PDB file of N, CA and C in Angstrom:
ATOM      1  N   MET A   1      28.641  40.198 -21.577  1.00  0.00           N
ATOM      2  CA  MET A   1      27.425  40.179 -20.826  1.00  0.00           C
ATOM      3  C   MET A   1      27.711  40.758 -19.442  1.00  0.00           C
ATOM      4  N   ASN A   2      26.734  41.375 -18.929  1.00  0.00           N
ATOM      5  CA  ASN A   2      26.844  42.010 -17.629  1.00  0.00           C
ATOM      6  C   ASN A   2      26.992  40.931 -16.550  1.00  0.00           C
ATOM      7  N   PRO A   3      27.902  41.088 -15.583  1.00  0.00           N
ATOM      8  CA  PRO A   3      28.094  40.084 -14.545  1.00  0.00           C
ATOM      9  C   PRO A   3      26.846  39.867 -13.699  1.00  0.00           C
ATOM     10  N   ILE A   4      26.051  40.885 -13.518  1.00  0.00           N
ATOM     11  CA  ILE A   4      24.825  40.743 -12.730  1.00  0.00           C
ATOM     12  C   ILE A   4      23.837  39.841 -13.463  1.00  0.00           C
ATOM     13  N   LEU A   5      23.722  39.996 -14.781  1.00  0.00           N
ATOM     14  CA  LEU A   5      22.827  39.148 -15.569  1.00  0.00           C
ATOM     15  C   LEU A   5      23.318  37.696 -15.591  1.00  0.00           C
ATOM     16  N   ALA A   6      24.599  37.511 -15.661  1.00  0.00           N
ATOM     17  CA  ALA A   6      25.155  36.156 -15.658  1.00  0.00           C
ATOM     18  C   ALA A   6      24.854  35.467 -14.321  1.00  0.00           C
ATOM     19  N   GLU A   7      24.995  36.224 -13.233  1.00  0.00           N
ATOM     20  CA  GLU A   7      24.689  35.664 -11.921  1.00  0.00           C
ATOM     21  C   GLU A   7      23.208  35.328 -11.798  1.00  0.00           C
ATOM     22  N   LEU A   8      22.339  36.166 -12.350  1.00  0.00           N
ATOM     23  CA  LEU A   8      20.899  35.925 -12.322  1.00  0.00           C
ATOM     24  C   LEU A   8      20.544  34.683 -13.123  1.00  0.00           C
ATOM     25  N   ASP A   9      21.179  34.503 -14.286  1.00  0.00           N
ATOM     26  CA  ASP A   9      20.935  33.292 -15.089  1.00  0.00           C
ATOM     27  C   ASP A   9      21.378  32.037 -14.346  1.00  0.00           C
ATOM     28  N   SER A  10      22.504  32.110 -13.661  1.00  0.00           N
ATOM     29  CA  SER A  10      22.967  30.934 -12.925  1.00  0.00           C
ATOM     30  C   SER A  10      22.038  30.620 -11.755  1.00  0.00           C
ATOM     31  N   LYS A  11      21.460  31.641 -11.128  1.00  0.00           N
ATOM     32  CA  LYS A  11      20.510  31.408 -10.042  1.00  0.00           C
ATOM     33  C   LYS A  11      19.238  30.763 -10.558  1.00  0.00           C
ATOM     34  N   LYS A  12      18.785  31.196 -11.747  1.00  0.00           N
ATOM     35  CA  LYS A  12      17.578  30.602 -12.338  1.00  0.00           C
ATOM     36  C   LYS A  12      17.813  29.127 -12.647  1.00  0.00           C
ATOM     37  N   SER A  13      18.954  28.812 -13.228  1.00  0.00           N
ATOM     38  CA  SER A  13      19.217  27.413 -13.582  1.00  0.00           C
ATOM     39  C   SER A  13      19.426  26.575 -12.328  1.00  0.00           C
ATOM     40  N   SER A  14      20.033  27.158 -11.292  1.00  0.00           N
ATOM     41  CA  SER A  14      20.228  26.397 -10.074  1.00  0.00           C
ATOM     42  C   SER A  14      18.896  26.168  -9.364  1.00  0.00           C
ATOM     43  N   SER A  15      17.996  27.140  -9.388  1.00  0.00           N
ATOM     44  CA  SER A  15      16.686  26.924  -8.768  1.00  0.00           C
ATOM     45  C   SER A  15      15.874  25.916  -9.575  1.00  0.00           C
ATOM     46  N   LEU A  16      16.035  25.935 -10.893  1.00  0.00           N
ATOM     47  CA  LEU A  16      15.356  24.942 -11.730  1.00  0.00           C
ATOM     48  C   LEU A  16      15.887  23.545 -11.423  1.00  0.00           C
ATOM     49  N   ARG A  17      17.183  23.426 -11.219  1.00  0.00           N
ATOM     50  CA  ARG A  17      17.771  22.137 -10.874  1.00  0.00           C
ATOM     51  C   ARG A  17      17.235  21.651  -9.531  1.00  0.00           C
ATOM     52  N   LYS A  18      17.080  22.568  -8.580  1.00  0.00           N
ATOM     53  CA  LYS A  18      16.554  22.187  -7.276  1.00  0.00           C
ATOM     54  C   LYS A  18      15.126  21.680  -7.393  1.00  0.00           C
ATOM     55  N   VAL A  19      14.310  22.358  -8.195  1.00  0.00           N
ATOM     56  CA  VAL A  19      12.919  21.941  -8.385  1.00  0.00           C
ATOM     57  C   VAL A  19      12.869  20.553  -9.026  1.00  0.00           C
ATOM     58  N   VAL A  20      13.697  20.328 -10.028  1.00  0.00           N
ATOM     59  CA  VAL A  20      13.729  19.025 -10.688  1.00  0.00           C
ATOM     60  C   VAL A  20      14.223  17.953  -9.715  1.00  0.00           C
ATOM     61  N   ALA A  21      15.246  18.266  -8.936  1.00  0.00           N
ATOM     62  CA  ALA A  21      15.772  17.299  -7.977  1.00  0.00           C
ATOM     63  C   ALA A  21      14.730  16.952  -6.918  1.00  0.00           C
ATOM     64  N   TYR A  22      14.053  17.955  -6.376  1.00  0.00           N
ATOM     65  CA  TYR A  22      13.019  17.699  -5.376  1.00  0.00           C
ATOM     66  C   TYR A  22      11.856  16.913  -5.976  1.00  0.00           C
ATOM     67  N   SER A  23      11.499  17.222  -7.200  1.00  0.00           N
ATOM     68  CA  SER A  23      10.409  16.486  -7.860  1.00  0.00           C
ATOM     69  C   SER A  23      10.777  15.014  -8.034  1.00  0.00           C
ATOM     70  N   LEU A  24      12.005  14.762  -8.471  1.00  0.00           N
ATOM     71  CA  LEU A  24      12.452  13.373  -8.626  1.00  0.00           C
ATOM     72  C   LEU A  24      12.516  12.661  -7.273  1.00  0.00           C
ATOM     73  N   LEU A  25      12.930  13.374  -6.245  1.00  0.00           N
ATOM     74  CA  LEU A  25      12.986  12.791  -4.912  1.00  0.00           C
ATOM     75  C   LEU A  25      11.584  12.439  -4.413  1.00  0.00           C
ATOM     76  N   ILE A  26      10.644  13.316  -4.632  1.00  0.00           N
ATOM     77  CA  ILE A  26       9.257  13.059  -4.226  1.00  0.00           C
ATOM     78  C   ILE A  26       8.689  11.882  -5.011  1.00  0.00           C
ATOM     79  N   LEU A  27       8.952  11.830  -6.306  1.00  0.00           N
ATOM     80  CA  LEU A  27       8.471  10.721  -7.138  1.00  0.00           C
ATOM     81  C   LEU A  27       9.063   9.391  -6.671  1.00  0.00           C
ATOM     82  N   ALA A  28      10.357   9.376  -6.389  1.00  0.00           N
ATOM     83  CA  ALA A  28      10.993   8.148  -5.908  1.00  0.00           C
ATOM     84  C   ALA A  28      10.414   7.727  -4.561  1.00  0.00           C
ATOM     85  N   THR A  29      10.135   8.689  -3.692  1.00  0.00           N
ATOM     86  CA  THR A  29       9.558   8.384  -2.386  1.00  0.00           C
ATOM     87  C   THR A  29       8.161   7.790  -2.525  1.00  0.00           C
ATOM     88  N   VAL A  30       7.362   8.351  -3.417  1.00  0.00           N
ATOM     89  CA  VAL A  30       6.000   7.841  -3.634  1.00  0.00           C
ATOM     90  C   VAL A  30       6.051   6.419  -4.195  1.00  0.00           C
ATOM     91  N   ILE A  31       6.924   6.182  -5.145  1.00  0.00           N
ATOM     92  CA  ILE A  31       7.042   4.843  -5.733  1.00  0.00           C
ATOM     93  C   ILE A  31       7.504   3.838  -4.671  1.00  0.00           C
ATOM     94  N   PHE A  32       8.465   4.230  -3.840  1.00  0.00           N
ATOM     95  CA  PHE A  32       8.934   3.351  -2.772  1.00  0.00           C
ATOM     96  C   PHE A  32       7.828   3.071  -1.764  1.00  0.00           C
ATOM     97  N   ALA A  33       7.039   4.092  -1.431  1.00  0.00           N
ATOM     98  CA  ALA A  33       5.935   3.905  -0.478  1.00  0.00           C
ATOM     99  C   ALA A  33       4.891   2.946  -1.041  1.00  0.00           C
ATOM    100  N   ILE A  34       4.600   3.048  -2.314  1.00  0.00           N
ATOM    101  CA  ILE A  34       3.641   2.133  -2.947  1.00  0.00           C
ATOM    102  C   ILE A  34       4.190   0.706  -2.913  1.00  0.00           C
ATOM    103  N   TYR A  35       5.469   0.549  -3.196  1.00  0.00           N
ATOM    104  CA  TYR A  35       6.093  -0.776  -3.171  1.00  0.00           C
ATOM    105  C   TYR A  35       6.036  -1.381  -1.766  1.00  0.00           C
ATOM    106  N   VAL A  36       6.411  -0.604  -0.761  1.00  0.00           N
ATOM    107  CA  VAL A  36       6.402  -1.107   0.610  1.00  0.00           C
ATOM    108  C   VAL A  36       4.974  -1.446   1.047  1.00  0.00           C
ATOM    109  N   GLY A  37       4.008  -0.609   0.675  1.00  0.00           N
ATOM    110  CA  GLY A  37       2.616  -0.905   0.988  1.00  0.00           C
ATOM    111  C   GLY A  37       2.158  -2.199   0.350  1.00  0.00           C
ATOM    112  N   ASN A  38       2.592  -2.432  -0.872  1.00  0.00           N
ATOM    113  CA  ASN A  38       2.218  -3.673  -1.558  1.00  0.00           C
ATOM    114  C   ASN A  38       2.879  -4.877  -0.902  1.00  0.00           C
ATOM    115  N   VAL A  39       4.102  -4.717  -0.424  1.00  0.00           N
ATOM    116  CA  VAL A  39       4.801  -5.824   0.249  1.00  0.00           C
ATOM    117  C   VAL A  39       4.058  -6.218   1.523  1.00  0.00           C
ATOM    118  N   PHE A  40       3.579  -5.236   2.283  1.00  0.00           N
ATOM    119  CA  PHE A  40       2.924  -5.541   3.550  1.00  0.00           C
ATOM    120  C   PHE A  40       1.445  -5.859   3.413  1.00  0.00           C
ATOM    121  N   PHE A  41       0.760  -5.276   2.448  1.00  0.00           N
ATOM    122  CA  PHE A  41      -0.690  -5.419   2.390  1.00  0.00           C
ATOM    123  C   PHE A  41      -1.217  -5.935   1.054  1.00  0.00           C
ATOM    124  N   GLY A  42      -0.379  -6.266   0.106  1.00  0.00           N
ATOM    125  CA  GLY A  42      -0.826  -6.699  -1.209  1.00  0.00           C
ATOM    126  C   GLY A  42      -1.149  -8.178  -1.261  1.00  0.00           C
ATOM    127  N   SER A  43      -1.417  -8.647  -2.483  1.00  0.00           N
ATOM    128  CA  SER A  43      -1.799 -10.049  -2.654  1.00  0.00           C
ATOM    129  C   SER A  43      -0.616 -10.994  -2.463  1.00  0.00           C
ATOM    130  N   ARG A  44       0.585 -10.480  -2.502  1.00  0.00           N
ATOM    131  CA  ARG A  44       1.781 -11.297  -2.257  1.00  0.00           C
ATOM    132  C   ARG A  44       2.517 -10.781  -1.022  1.00  0.00           C
ATOM    133  N   SER A  45       1.773 -10.414  -0.033  1.00  0.00           N
ATOM    134  CA  SER A  45       2.357  -9.747   1.122  1.00  0.00           C
ATOM    135  C   SER A  45       2.891 -10.726   2.147  1.00  0.00           C
ATOM    136  N   ALA A  46       3.578 -10.176   3.124  1.00  0.00           N
ATOM    137  CA  ALA A  46       4.135 -10.984   4.206  1.00  0.00           C
ATOM    138  C   ALA A  46       3.025 -11.590   5.061  1.00  0.00           C
ATOM    139  N   THR A  47       1.939 -10.856   5.276  1.00  0.00           N
ATOM    140  CA  THR A  47       0.846 -11.392   6.091  1.00  0.00           C
ATOM    141  C   THR A  47       0.191 -12.582   5.394  1.00  0.00           C
ATOM    142  N   VAL A  48       0.064 -12.512   4.090  1.00  0.00           N
ATOM    143  CA  VAL A  48      -0.498 -13.639   3.340  1.00  0.00           C
ATOM    144  C   VAL A  48       0.429 -14.846   3.467  1.00  0.00           C
ATOM    145  N   LEU A  49       1.731 -14.609   3.416  1.00  0.00           N
ATOM    146  CA  LEU A  49       2.691 -15.700   3.558  1.00  0.00           C
ATOM    147  C   LEU A  49       2.556 -16.377   4.914  1.00  0.00           C
ATOM    148  N   TYR A  50       2.469 -15.584   5.981  1.00  0.00           N
ATOM    149  CA  TYR A  50       2.326 -16.167   7.316  1.00  0.00           C
ATOM    150  C   TYR A  50       1.001 -16.902   7.463  1.00  0.00           C
ATOM    151  N   ASP A  51      -0.078 -16.371   6.898  1.00  0.00           N
ATOM    152  CA  ASP A  51      -1.367 -17.060   6.945  1.00  0.00           C
ATOM    153  C   ASP A  51      -1.304 -18.397   6.212  1.00  0.00           C
ATOM    154  N   LEU A  52      -0.637 -18.411   5.066  1.00  0.00           N
ATOM    155  CA  LEU A  52      -0.514 -19.662   4.311  1.00  0.00           C
ATOM    156  C   LEU A  52       0.343 -20.683   5.051  1.00  0.00           C
ATOM    157  N   LYS A  53       1.375 -20.223   5.755  1.00  0.00           N
ATOM    158  CA  LYS A  53       2.185 -21.161   6.541  1.00  0.00           C
ATOM    159  C   LYS A  53       1.370 -21.768   7.672  1.00  0.00           C
ATOM    160  N   LYS A  54       0.526 -20.939   8.322  1.00  0.00           N
ATOM    161  CA  LYS A  54      -0.334 -21.476   9.381  1.00  0.00           C
ATOM    162  C   LYS A  54      -1.328 -22.470   8.804  1.00  0.00           C
ATOM    163  N   GLN A  55      -1.894 -22.149   7.660  1.00  0.00           N
ATOM    164  CA  GLN A  55      -2.866 -23.040   7.025  1.00  0.00           C
ATOM    165  C   GLN A  55      -2.197 -24.355   6.627  1.00  0.00           C
ATOM    166  N   LYS A  56      -0.960 -24.295   6.154  1.00  0.00           N
ATOM    167  CA  LYS A  56      -0.238 -25.508   5.779  1.00  0.00           C
ATOM    168  C   LYS A  56      -0.009 -26.396   7.000  1.00  0.00           C
ATOM    169  N   ALA A  57       0.373 -25.788   8.123  1.00  0.00           N
ATOM    170  CA  ALA A  57       0.590 -26.562   9.346  1.00  0.00           C
ATOM    171  C   ALA A  57      -0.714 -27.199   9.810  1.00  0.00           C
ATOM    172  N   THR A  58      -1.809 -26.459   9.752  1.00  0.00           N
ATOM    173  CA  THR A  58      -3.105 -26.996  10.158  1.00  0.00           C
ATOM    174  C   THR A  58      -3.518 -28.165   9.268  1.00  0.00           C
ATOM    175  N   LEU A  59      -3.346 -27.996   7.976  1.00  0.00           N
ATOM    176  CA  LEU A  59      -3.715 -29.070   7.053  1.00  0.00           C
ATOM    177  C   LEU A  59      -2.827 -30.300   7.237  1.00  0.00           C
ATOM    178  N   SER A  60      -1.556 -30.090   7.517  1.00  0.00           N
ATOM    179  CA  SER A  60      -0.664 -31.232   7.769  1.00  0.00           C
ATOM    180  C   SER A  60      -1.104 -32.001   9.005  1.00  0.00           C
ATOM    181  N   ASN A  61      -1.504 -31.275  10.045  1.00  0.00           N
ATOM    182  CA  ASN A  61      -2.000 -31.946  11.253  1.00  0.00           C
ATOM    183  C   ASN A  61      -3.284 -32.715  10.964  1.00  0.00           C
ATOM    184  N   GLU A  62      -4.169 -32.149  10.160  1.00  0.00           N
ATOM    185  CA  GLU A  62      -5.408 -32.853   9.801  1.00  0.00           C
ATOM    186  C   GLU A  62      -5.104 -34.108   9.001  1.00  0.00           C
ATOM    187  N   VAL A  63      -4.141 -34.031   8.088  1.00  0.00           N
ATOM    188  CA  VAL A  63      -3.776 -35.205   7.286  1.00  0.00           C
ATOM    189  C   VAL A  63      -3.273 -36.324   8.198  1.00  0.00           C
ATOM    190  N   LYS A  64      -2.409 -35.973   9.146  1.00  0.00           N
ATOM    191  CA  LYS A  64      -1.904 -36.991  10.077  1.00  0.00           C
ATOM    192  C   LYS A  64      -3.035 -37.601  10.893  1.00  0.00           C
ATOM    193  N   LYS A  65      -3.962 -36.743  11.337  1.00  0.00           N
ATOM    194  CA  LYS A  65      -5.082 -37.241  12.131  1.00  0.00           C
ATOM    195  C   LYS A  65      -5.936 -38.202  11.310  1.00  0.00           C
ATOM    196  N   TYR A  66      -6.212 -37.846  10.057  1.00  0.00           N
ATOM    197  CA  TYR A  66      -7.039 -38.711   9.222  1.00  0.00           C
ATOM    198  C   TYR A  66      -6.299 -39.983   8.812  1.00  0.00           C
ATOM    199  N   GLN A  67      -4.978 -39.927   8.677  1.00  0.00           N
ATOM    200  CA  GLN A  67      -4.226 -41.147   8.386  1.00  0.00           C
ATOM    201  C   GLN A  67      -4.305 -42.122   9.557  1.00  0.00           C
ATOM    202  N   GLU A  68      -4.179 -41.583  10.764  1.00  0.00           N
ATOM    203  CA  GLU A  68      -4.290 -42.438  11.943  1.00  0.00           C
ATOM    204  C   GLU A  68      -5.699 -43.012  12.069  1.00  0.00           C
ATOM    205  N   LEU A  69      -6.700 -42.199  11.810  1.00  0.00           N
ATOM    206  CA  LEU A  69      -8.083 -42.667  11.861  1.00  0.00           C
ATOM    207  C   LEU A  69      -8.321 -43.735  10.804  1.00  0.00           C
ATOM    208  N   ASN A  70      -7.789 -43.523   9.615  1.00  0.00           N
ATOM    209  CA  ASN A  70      -7.944 -44.497   8.541  1.00  0.00           C
ATOM    210  C   ASN A  70      -7.274 -45.821   8.909  1.00  0.00           C
ATOM    211  N   SER A  71      -6.099 -45.724   9.502  1.00  0.00           N
ATOM    212  CA  SER A  71      -5.396 -46.939   9.918  1.00  0.00           C
ATOM    213  C   SER A  71      -6.200 -47.710  10.965  1.00  0.00           C
ATOM    214  N   ALA A  72      -6.749 -46.990  11.922  1.00  0.00           N
ATOM    215  CA  ALA A  72      -7.547 -47.647  12.966  1.00  0.00           C
ATOM    216  C   ALA A  72      -8.802 -48.269  12.366  1.00  0.00           C
ATOM    217  N   LEU A  73      -9.450 -47.585  11.451  1.00  0.00           N
ATOM    218  CA  LEU A  73     -10.667 -48.123  10.826  1.00  0.00           C
ATOM    219  C   LEU A  73     -10.353 -49.325   9.948  1.00  0.00           C
ATOM    220  N   GLN A  74      -9.213 -49.301   9.247  1.00  0.00           N
ATOM    221  CA  GLN A  74      -8.821 -50.461   8.450  1.00  0.00           C
ATOM    222  C   GLN A  74      -8.556 -51.669   9.344  1.00  0.00           C
ATOM    223  N   LYS A  75      -7.897 -51.423  10.462  1.00  0.00           N
ATOM    224  CA  LYS A  75      -7.624 -52.518  11.393  1.00  0.00           C
ATOM    225  C   LYS A  75      -8.931 -53.104  11.916  1.00  0.00           C
ATOM    226  N   GLU A  76      -9.856 -52.232  12.268  1.00  0.00           N
ATOM    227  CA  GLU A  76     -11.160 -52.708  12.753  1.00  0.00           C
ATOM    228  C   GLU A  76     -11.897 -53.462  11.657  1.00  0.00           C
ATOM    229  N   TYR A  77     -11.835 -52.983  10.439  1.00  0.00           N
ATOM    230  CA  TYR A  77     -12.501 -53.648   9.315  1.00  0.00           C
ATOM    231  C   TYR A  77     -11.933 -55.048   9.114  1.00  0.00           C
ATOM    232  N   PHE A  78     -10.615 -55.171   9.106  1.00  0.00           N
ATOM    233  CA  PHE A  78      -9.995 -56.476   8.911  1.00  0.00           C
ATOM    234  C   PHE A  78     -10.306 -57.423  10.060  1.00  0.00           C
ATOM    235  N   GLU A  79     -10.389 -56.890  11.254  1.00  0.00           N
ATOM    236  CA  GLU A  79     -10.760 -57.739  12.387  1.00  0.00           C
ATOM    237  C   GLU A  79     -12.196 -58.226  12.245  1.00  0.00           C
ATOM    238  N   LEU A  80     -13.058 -57.374  11.738  1.00  0.00           N
ATOM    239  CA  LEU A  80     -14.455 -57.756  11.565  1.00  0.00           C
ATOM    240  C   LEU A  80     -14.631 -58.816  10.487  1.00  0.00           C
ATOM    241  N   ILE A  81     -13.836 -58.758   9.445  1.00  0.00           N
ATOM    242  CA  ILE A  81     -13.994 -59.766   8.391  1.00  0.00           C
ATOM    243  C   ILE A  81     -13.152 -60.999   8.679  1.00  0.00           C
ATOM    244  N   GLY A  82     -12.434 -60.999   9.779  1.00  0.00           N
ATOM    245  CA  GLY A  82     -11.725 -62.202  10.221  1.00  0.00           C
ATOM    246  C   GLY A  82     -10.349 -62.373   9.625  1.00  0.00           C
ATOM    247  N   LEU A  83      -9.754 -61.349   9.090  1.00  0.00           N
ATOM    248  CA  LEU A  83      -8.406 -61.473   8.548  1.00  0.00           C
ATOM    249  C   LEU A  83      -7.406 -60.876   9.527  1.00  0.00           C
ATOM    250  N   ASP A  84      -6.212 -61.342   9.432  1.00  0.00           N
ATOM    251  CA  ASP A  84      -5.146 -60.784  10.240  1.00  0.00           C
ATOM    252  C   ASP A  84      -4.606 -59.547   9.516  1.00  0.00           C
ATOM    253  N   PRO A  85      -4.685 -58.355  10.121  1.00  0.00           N
ATOM    254  CA  PRO A  85      -4.253 -57.144   9.400  1.00  0.00           C
ATOM    255  C   PRO A  85      -2.745 -57.122   9.123  1.00  0.00           C
ATOM    256  N   ASP A  86      -1.966 -57.894   9.897  1.00  0.00           N
ATOM    257  CA  ASP A  86      -0.522 -57.884   9.680  1.00  0.00           C
ATOM    258  C   ASP A  86      -0.132 -58.718   8.467  1.00  0.00           C
ATOM    259  N   SER A  87      -0.902 -59.754   8.122  1.00  0.00           N
ATOM    260  CA  SER A  87      -0.541 -60.605   7.006  1.00  0.00           C
ATOM    261  C   SER A  87      -1.250 -60.214   5.701  1.00  0.00           C
ATOM    262  N   TYR A  88      -2.064 -59.182   5.733  1.00  0.00           N
ATOM    263  CA  TYR A  88      -2.787 -58.754   4.534  1.00  0.00           C
ATOM    264  C   TYR A  88      -1.874 -57.945   3.647  1.00  0.00           C
ATOM    265  N   LYS A  89      -1.935 -58.233   2.346  1.00  0.00           N
ATOM    266  CA  LYS A  89      -1.085 -57.497   1.402  1.00  0.00           C
ATOM    267  C   LYS A  89      -1.913 -56.603   0.549  1.00  0.00           C
TER     268      LYS A  89
END
């Protein structure tokens, strides 16, 4: 085979390899971008996690507040019915 033709064939295959490599690189980049977007803005994202942590803290504070209110109301109730709240079982 002519050396010029052999060199031309190798250039064609090398350019084809470059196109395939760039295509795979672009595909991997797009998939990674979709994944990162889902991590930050999806239904299981970091912002949702932080919002849920804030909501948990708020609800815990409300539970404590209502427990204290319930305790005070129970004490008042027992005082009204004439029982000692410390000796009630």
